[in-house]
């Protein structure tokens, strides 16, 4: 079930033994990414991702033939070409930045072993937990890099942890389920926007684009939309923005059902049609740059904005492994450890 939107809470599995603080570890979890920008690698990744009932809530008997017979054969080559446009020398942007961020958090938590994992793809959550156990951890705090709670993302990590805990209950786990208005993260976001404005100038609007989810889930109690708007409001306040200077949209729609509105692409098209000279776009729900930010926003939606009659779309990068981001998350983790007595 969704967690309340207004509070930051943690979920626990396993029994908590009496352990010295030095035995605690941290597992930083992100969504996942293909291992290579190839159709075969993308197909393997999408097959796992789109097989999760938290992501696609369609009966298996209907979804399986459609997924493997139509969607994957058509989508994998197209998505692979998109990944190729943003691939880094060291690998997928999301994988590179997640690993760097986890390492940076670890540098700020002396004596706490830190590992990273992906909900889909490699390294898997079970492998990350084994690595921490092998390093002597007797309990592990799990930090999903999803600032806003959703049943489609955070709850899926909780599902995986529950399965793992059932098979290997000797390792107690605690999960941070959201940090949508964490003061340190909001301050880091605001600083990154100010730094971008100082270096590149300021647009006429600041558009805050979050990943979308089906409206049906929000109607059923998922707090994601509420938390996205809370993040945006906190960021706008930190930047001193007034009414009309910023707006919230939702991107990455998949399927035919109604998703959260307004849509990022439709909004940018409308702004372009008004002849807006420049719009700045930041993605506060994405801690690390990935296909959805670097290709969908910075390339695809920038072209759409220009084609509609707009001028420049200036994409403001995610926080990635910036020192202020690592500082904020390390402080969050330290508070969670202090609360885990």
Protein backbone atom coordinates (compact mmCIF):
# COMPACT_ATOMS: atom_id res chain seq x y z
CA UNK A 1 0.00 0.00 0.00
CA UNK A 2 1.19 3.56 -0.58
CA UNK A 3 2.87 5.40 2.27
CA UNK A 4 1.33 8.68 3.50
CA UNK A 5 2.48 11.56 1.34
CA UNK A 6 3.27 14.03 4.10
CA UNK A 7 5.74 12.01 6.12
CA UNK A 8 9.10 10.36 5.60
CA UNK A 9 8.93 6.80 6.89
CA UNK A 10 10.92 3.58 6.57
CA UNK A 11 9.89 0.00 5.95
CA UNK A 12 11.64 -2.84 7.74
CA UNK A 13 12.04 -6.58 7.18
CA UNK A 14 13.64 -9.18 9.39
CA UNK A 15 14.31 -9.16 13.11
CA UNK A 16 16.75 -6.64 14.48
CA UNK A 17 19.55 -8.17 16.57
CA UNK A 18 21.75 -6.26 18.97
CA UNK A 19 24.58 -5.08 16.73
CA UNK A 20 27.35 -2.50 16.96
CA UNK A 21 26.95 0.46 14.61
CA UNK A 22 29.99 -0.62 12.59
CA UNK A 23 28.05 -3.59 11.17
CA UNK A 24 25.52 -1.46 9.30
CA UNK A 25 25.76 -1.05 5.55
CA UNK A 26 24.05 0.97 2.86
CA UNK A 27 22.65 -0.25 -0.45
CA UNK A 28 21.85 2.51 -2.96
CA UNK A 29 19.30 1.30 -5.53
CA UNK A 30 18.33 2.81 -8.86
CA UNK A 31 15.89 1.66 -11.51
CA UNK A 32 18.21 -0.06 -13.95
CA UNK A 33 19.67 0.14 -17.43
CA UNK A 34 20.80 -2.11 -20.29
CA UNK A 35 24.40 -3.33 -20.24
CA UNK A 36 25.01 -2.05 -23.76
CA UNK A 37 23.29 0.18 -26.35
CA UNK A 38 22.32 -2.82 -28.47
CA UNK A 39 18.96 -4.28 -29.36
CA UNK A 40 19.77 -7.56 -27.61
CA UNK A 41 20.84 -5.89 -24.36
CA UNK A 42 17.90 -3.49 -24.40
CA UNK A 43 15.52 -6.36 -25.05
CA UNK A 44 16.81 -8.28 -22.00
CA UNK A 45 16.47 -5.20 -19.84
CA UNK A 46 12.99 -4.26 -21.06
CA UNK A 47 11.80 -7.85 -20.71
CA UNK A 48 12.64 -7.77 -17.00
CA UNK A 49 11.37 -4.23 -16.45
CA UNK A 50 8.08 -4.67 -18.28
CA UNK A 51 7.46 -8.07 -16.66
CA UNK A 52 7.14 -6.47 -13.24
CA UNK A 53 3.42 -6.35 -12.32
CA UNK A 54 4.13 -3.11 -10.46
CA UNK A 55 5.10 -1.52 -13.77
CA UNK A 56 2.48 -3.05 -16.06
CA UNK A 57 -0.68 -4.13 -14.31
CA UNK A 58 -2.17 -6.31 -17.03
CA UNK A 59 -3.07 -10.01 -16.59
CA UNK A 60 -0.11 -12.19 -17.54
CA UNK A 61 -2.11 -14.24 -20.03
CA UNK A 62 -2.86 -11.08 -22.00
CA UNK A 63 0.42 -9.23 -21.47
CA UNK A 64 3.00 -11.97 -22.05
CA UNK A 65 2.23 -12.67 -25.76
CA UNK A 66 1.96 -8.92 -26.47
CA UNK A 67 5.20 -8.13 -24.66
CA UNK A 68 7.34 -10.87 -26.22
CA UNK A 69 5.63 -11.09 -29.58
CA UNK A 70 5.11 -7.43 -30.43
CA UNK A 71 6.49 -4.85 -27.99
CA UNK A 72 10.02 -6.15 -27.41
CA UNK A 73 10.81 -6.96 -31.06
CA UNK A 74 9.65 -3.51 -32.17
CA UNK A 75 10.74 -1.41 -29.21
CA UNK A 76 14.19 -2.83 -28.41
CA UNK A 77 15.98 -1.71 -31.64
CA UNK A 78 14.39 1.74 -31.45
CA UNK A 79 15.30 2.22 -27.78
CA UNK A 80 18.82 0.91 -28.42
CA UNK A 81 19.37 3.68 -30.97
CA UNK A 82 18.26 6.21 -28.37
CA UNK A 83 20.69 4.81 -25.79
CA UNK A 84 23.50 5.01 -28.34
CA UNK A 85 22.99 8.79 -28.55
CA UNK A 86 23.69 9.31 -24.83
CA UNK A 87 26.01 6.41 -23.98
CA UNK A 88 29.18 7.40 -22.10
CA UNK A 89 32.67 5.98 -22.47
CA UNK A 90 32.20 4.19 -19.14
CA UNK A 91 28.73 2.89 -19.91
CA UNK A 92 25.12 3.90 -19.47
CA UNK A 93 24.76 7.35 -17.87
CA UNK A 94 22.45 6.01 -15.18
CA UNK A 95 24.88 3.23 -14.27
CA UNK A 96 27.90 5.53 -14.28
CA UNK A 97 26.31 8.27 -12.20
CA UNK A 98 24.68 5.84 -9.76
CA UNK A 99 28.01 4.14 -9.06
CA UNK A 100 29.76 7.48 -8.61
CA UNK A 101 27.02 8.78 -6.32
CA UNK A 102 27.13 5.66 -4.15
CA UNK A 103 30.90 6.00 -3.86
CA UNK A 104 30.58 9.68 -2.96
CA UNK A 105 28.01 8.90 -0.26
CA UNK A 106 30.35 6.25 1.10
CA UNK A 107 33.17 8.76 1.38
CA UNK A 108 30.94 10.78 3.69
CA UNK A 109 30.02 7.81 5.91
CA UNK A 110 33.31 6.54 7.39
CA UNK A 111 33.13 2.92 8.47
CA UNK A 112 29.88 2.21 6.62
CA UNK A 113 30.25 -0.17 3.66
CA UNK A 114 28.25 1.11 0.67
CA UNK A 115 27.20 -0.76 -2.46
CA UNK A 116 24.85 0.08 -5.31
CA UNK A 117 22.35 -2.05 -7.21
CA UNK A 118 19.66 -1.88 -9.84
CA UNK A 119 16.07 -3.01 -9.48
CA UNK A 120 16.25 -4.34 -13.04
CA UNK A 121 19.47 -5.48 -14.66
CA UNK A 122 22.92 -5.63 -13.10
CA UNK A 123 24.16 -5.44 -10.44
CA UNK A 124 21.01 -6.88 -8.89
CA UNK A 125 19.71 -6.14 -5.41
CA UNK A 126 20.46 -9.64 -4.17
CA UNK A 127 24.07 -9.33 -5.37
CA UNK A 128 24.41 -5.97 -3.65
CA UNK A 129 23.14 -7.37 -0.36
CA UNK A 130 25.47 -10.38 -0.59
CA UNK A 131 28.41 -8.05 -1.18
CA UNK A 132 27.55 -6.05 1.94
CA UNK A 133 27.06 -9.20 4.00
CA UNK A 134 30.44 -10.46 2.81
CA UNK A 135 31.95 -7.17 4.00
CA UNK A 136 30.70 -7.87 7.50
CA UNK A 137 27.41 -5.99 7.56
CA UNK A 138 24.86 -7.33 9.98
CA UNK A 139 22.06 -5.06 8.82
CA UNK A 140 21.51 -2.93 5.73
CA UNK A 141 19.72 0.33 5.04
CA UNK A 142 18.35 0.46 1.49
CA UNK A 143 18.09 3.84 -0.23
CA UNK A 144 16.09 3.72 -3.48
CA UNK A 145 16.95 6.74 -5.62
CA UNK A 146 13.29 7.62 -5.98
CA UNK A 147 12.71 10.90 -4.11
CA UNK A 148 8.94 10.55 -4.54
CA UNK A 149 7.20 7.36 -3.44
CA UNK A 150 5.24 5.40 -6.02
CA UNK A 151 3.78 1.93 -6.13
CA UNK A 152 5.44 1.59 -9.56
CA UNK A 153 8.97 2.17 -8.28
CA UNK A 154 9.56 2.28 -4.52
CA UNK A 155 7.05 -0.47 -3.81
CA UNK A 156 8.75 -2.66 -6.41
CA UNK A 157 12.04 -2.35 -4.51
CA UNK A 158 10.14 -3.28 -1.32
CA UNK A 159 8.74 -6.34 -3.14
CA UNK A 160 12.25 -7.44 -4.11
CA UNK A 161 13.53 -6.92 -0.57
CA UNK A 162 10.65 -8.93 0.87
CA UNK A 163 11.42 -11.84 -1.46
CA UNK A 164 15.11 -11.70 -0.58
CA UNK A 165 14.43 -11.43 3.15
CA UNK A 166 12.16 -14.47 2.94
CA UNK A 167 14.96 -16.49 1.37
CA UNK A 168 17.77 -15.06 3.51
CA UNK A 169 16.22 -13.71 6.70
CA UNK A 170 19.57 -13.49 8.50
CA UNK A 171 20.15 -9.96 7.19
CA UNK A 172 17.76 -7.35 8.63
CA UNK A 173 16.79 -4.64 6.15
CA UNK A 174 15.31 -1.17 6.44
CA UNK A 175 14.21 0.92 3.46
CA UNK A 176 13.91 4.68 3.03
CA UNK A 177 10.64 5.04 1.16
CA UNK A 178 10.77 8.71 0.11
CA UNK A 179 12.60 11.99 0.56
CA UNK A 180 10.50 14.25 -1.64
CA UNK A 181 11.01 17.44 0.40
CA UNK A 182 14.32 16.67 2.09
CA UNK A 183 15.81 20.09 2.86
CA UNK A 184 19.34 19.12 1.80
CA UNK A 185 18.26 17.68 -1.55
CA UNK A 186 15.97 20.63 -2.30
CA UNK A 187 18.82 23.04 -1.47
CA UNK A 188 21.16 21.11 -3.77
CA UNK A 189 18.59 21.25 -6.57
CA UNK A 190 18.12 24.98 -6.08
CA UNK A 191 21.87 25.57 -6.11
CA UNK A 192 22.21 23.57 -9.33
CA UNK A 193 19.53 25.68 -11.02
CA UNK A 194 21.15 28.92 -9.86
CA UNK A 195 24.55 27.75 -11.07
CA UNK A 196 23.08 26.91 -14.47
CA UNK A 197 21.44 30.31 -14.70
CA UNK A 198 24.65 32.04 -13.74
CA UNK A 199 26.62 30.14 -16.38
CA UNK A 200 24.06 30.10 -19.22
CA UNK A 201 21.49 32.79 -18.50
CA UNK A 202 17.89 32.33 -17.45
CA UNK A 203 14.87 31.25 -19.45
CA UNK A 204 11.40 32.76 -19.37
CA UNK A 205 9.93 29.71 -17.62
CA UNK A 206 11.30 26.93 -15.44
CA UNK A 207 9.58 23.67 -16.31
CA UNK A 208 9.91 20.88 -13.73
CA UNK A 209 9.36 17.56 -15.48
CA UNK A 210 8.69 14.38 -13.50
CA UNK A 211 8.26 10.84 -14.75
CA UNK A 212 4.60 10.05 -15.28
CA UNK A 213 2.46 7.21 -13.97
CA UNK A 214 -1.10 6.18 -14.87
CA UNK A 215 -3.78 8.46 -13.41
CA UNK A 216 -5.58 5.31 -12.28
CA UNK A 217 -2.87 4.64 -9.71
CA UNK A 218 -3.12 8.11 -8.22
CA UNK A 219 -6.91 7.79 -8.10
CA UNK A 220 -6.33 4.55 -6.17
CA UNK A 221 -4.21 6.24 -3.49
CA UNK A 222 -0.67 6.37 -4.88
CA UNK A 223 0.89 9.53 -3.31
CA UNK A 224 3.33 10.09 -6.15
CA UNK A 225 1.63 13.08 -7.76
CA UNK A 226 1.20 14.83 -4.42
CA UNK A 227 4.87 14.32 -3.61
CA UNK A 228 6.00 15.55 -7.04
CA UNK A 229 4.07 18.76 -6.52
CA UNK A 230 5.49 19.06 -3.00
CA UNK A 231 9.03 18.76 -4.40
CA UNK A 232 8.28 21.34 -7.09
CA UNK A 233 6.73 23.76 -4.61
CA UNK A 234 9.71 23.45 -2.28
CA UNK A 235 12.15 24.00 -5.15
CA UNK A 236 10.22 27.02 -6.43
CA UNK A 237 10.21 28.50 -2.92
CA UNK A 238 13.95 27.92 -2.55
CA UNK A 239 14.49 29.73 -5.86
CA UNK A 240 12.14 32.55 -4.96
CA UNK A 241 9.96 31.93 -8.01
CA UNK A 242 6.58 33.58 -8.29
CA UNK A 243 3.32 32.52 -9.88
CA UNK A 244 3.68 31.97 -13.61
CA UNK A 245 7.47 31.58 -13.52
CA UNK A 246 7.42 27.78 -13.09
CA UNK A 247 5.23 24.80 -13.95
CA UNK A 248 5.04 21.06 -13.34
CA UNK A 249 4.65 18.45 -16.08
CA UNK A 250 4.93 14.67 -16.46
CA UNK A 251 6.89 12.78 -19.10
CA UNK A 252 7.59 9.28 -20.47
CA UNK A 253 4.03 8.12 -21.04
CA UNK A 254 3.69 4.45 -22.00
CA UNK A 255 0.54 2.76 -23.28
CA UNK A 256 -2.86 4.16 -24.14
CA UNK A 257 -4.47 4.82 -20.78
CA UNK A 258 -4.65 8.24 -19.14
CA UNK A 259 -1.43 9.31 -17.40
CA UNK A 260 -0.72 12.24 -15.13
CA UNK A 261 -1.25 15.61 -16.75
CA UNK A 262 -0.10 17.98 -18.05
CA UNK A 263 2.26 16.07 -20.32
CA UNK A 264 5.75 17.48 -20.79
CA UNK A 265 5.80 17.15 -24.56
CA UNK A 266 2.33 18.66 -25.03
CA UNK A 267 3.21 21.54 -22.71
CA UNK A 268 6.43 22.30 -24.58
CA UNK A 269 4.57 22.23 -27.86
CA UNK A 270 2.07 24.79 -26.52
CA UNK A 271 4.87 26.97 -25.15
CA UNK A 272 6.63 26.80 -28.51
CA UNK A 273 3.48 27.87 -30.32
CA UNK A 274 3.38 31.03 -28.18
CA UNK A 275 6.85 31.92 -29.48
CA UNK A 276 8.56 31.54 -26.11
CA UNK A 277 12.23 32.35 -26.59
CA UNK A 278 13.68 30.03 -23.96
CA UNK A 279 12.45 27.49 -21.44
CA UNK A 280 14.65 25.88 -18.79
CA UNK A 281 13.84 22.27 -17.87
CA UNK A 282 14.88 20.47 -14.70
CA UNK A 283 13.89 16.94 -13.68
CA UNK A 284 13.72 16.88 -9.86
CA UNK A 285 12.44 13.30 -9.70
CA UNK A 286 15.56 11.93 -11.43
CA UNK A 287 18.61 11.91 -9.12
CA UNK A 288 20.84 10.66 -11.96
CA UNK A 289 20.80 11.49 -15.65
CA UNK A 290 19.48 8.72 -17.86
CA UNK A 291 17.73 8.08 -21.17
CA UNK A 292 14.61 9.95 -20.02
CA UNK A 293 16.54 13.13 -19.28
CA UNK A 294 19.41 13.14 -21.78
CA UNK A 295 17.52 11.83 -24.81
CA UNK A 296 13.83 12.43 -24.15
CA UNK A 297 14.17 15.92 -22.67
CA UNK A 298 17.48 17.37 -23.88
CA UNK A 299 17.21 16.03 -27.44
CA UNK A 300 13.70 14.91 -28.36
CA UNK A 301 11.68 17.51 -26.48
CA UNK A 302 14.14 20.28 -27.32
CA UNK A 303 13.56 19.54 -31.01
CA UNK A 304 9.80 19.43 -30.48
CA UNK A 305 9.89 22.84 -28.75
CA UNK A 306 11.85 24.38 -31.62
CA UNK A 307 9.63 22.80 -34.27
CA UNK A 308 6.56 24.27 -32.58
CA UNK A 309 8.02 27.77 -32.86
CA UNK A 310 9.95 28.07 -29.62
CA UNK A 311 13.55 29.08 -29.24
CA UNK A 312 15.96 27.29 -26.90
CA UNK A 313 15.22 24.48 -24.47
CA UNK A 314 17.98 24.59 -21.85
CA UNK A 315 18.20 21.30 -19.96
CA UNK A 316 19.57 21.56 -16.40
CA UNK A 317 21.39 18.30 -15.58
CA UNK A 318 20.42 16.05 -12.70
CA UNK A 319 22.38 16.29 -9.46
CA UNK A 320 24.23 13.04 -10.28
CA UNK A 321 27.32 12.71 -8.05
CA UNK A 322 27.61 16.43 -7.26
CA UNK A 323 29.13 17.02 -3.79
CA UNK A 324 25.99 18.78 -2.53
CA UNK A 325 23.87 15.80 -3.60
CA UNK A 326 26.17 13.32 -1.87
CA UNK A 327 26.23 15.53 1.23
CA UNK A 328 22.44 15.65 1.39
CA UNK A 329 21.94 11.92 0.91
CA UNK A 330 24.70 11.04 3.37
CA UNK A 331 23.01 13.25 5.96
CA UNK A 332 19.68 11.57 5.21
CA UNK A 333 21.25 8.14 5.62
CA UNK A 334 22.93 9.15 8.89
CA UNK A 335 19.57 10.24 10.28
CA UNK A 336 18.00 6.95 9.23
CA UNK A 337 20.77 5.00 10.92
CA UNK A 338 20.32 7.05 14.09
CA UNK A 339 16.60 6.25 14.05
CA UNK A 340 17.27 2.53 13.58
CA UNK A 341 17.93 1.50 17.17
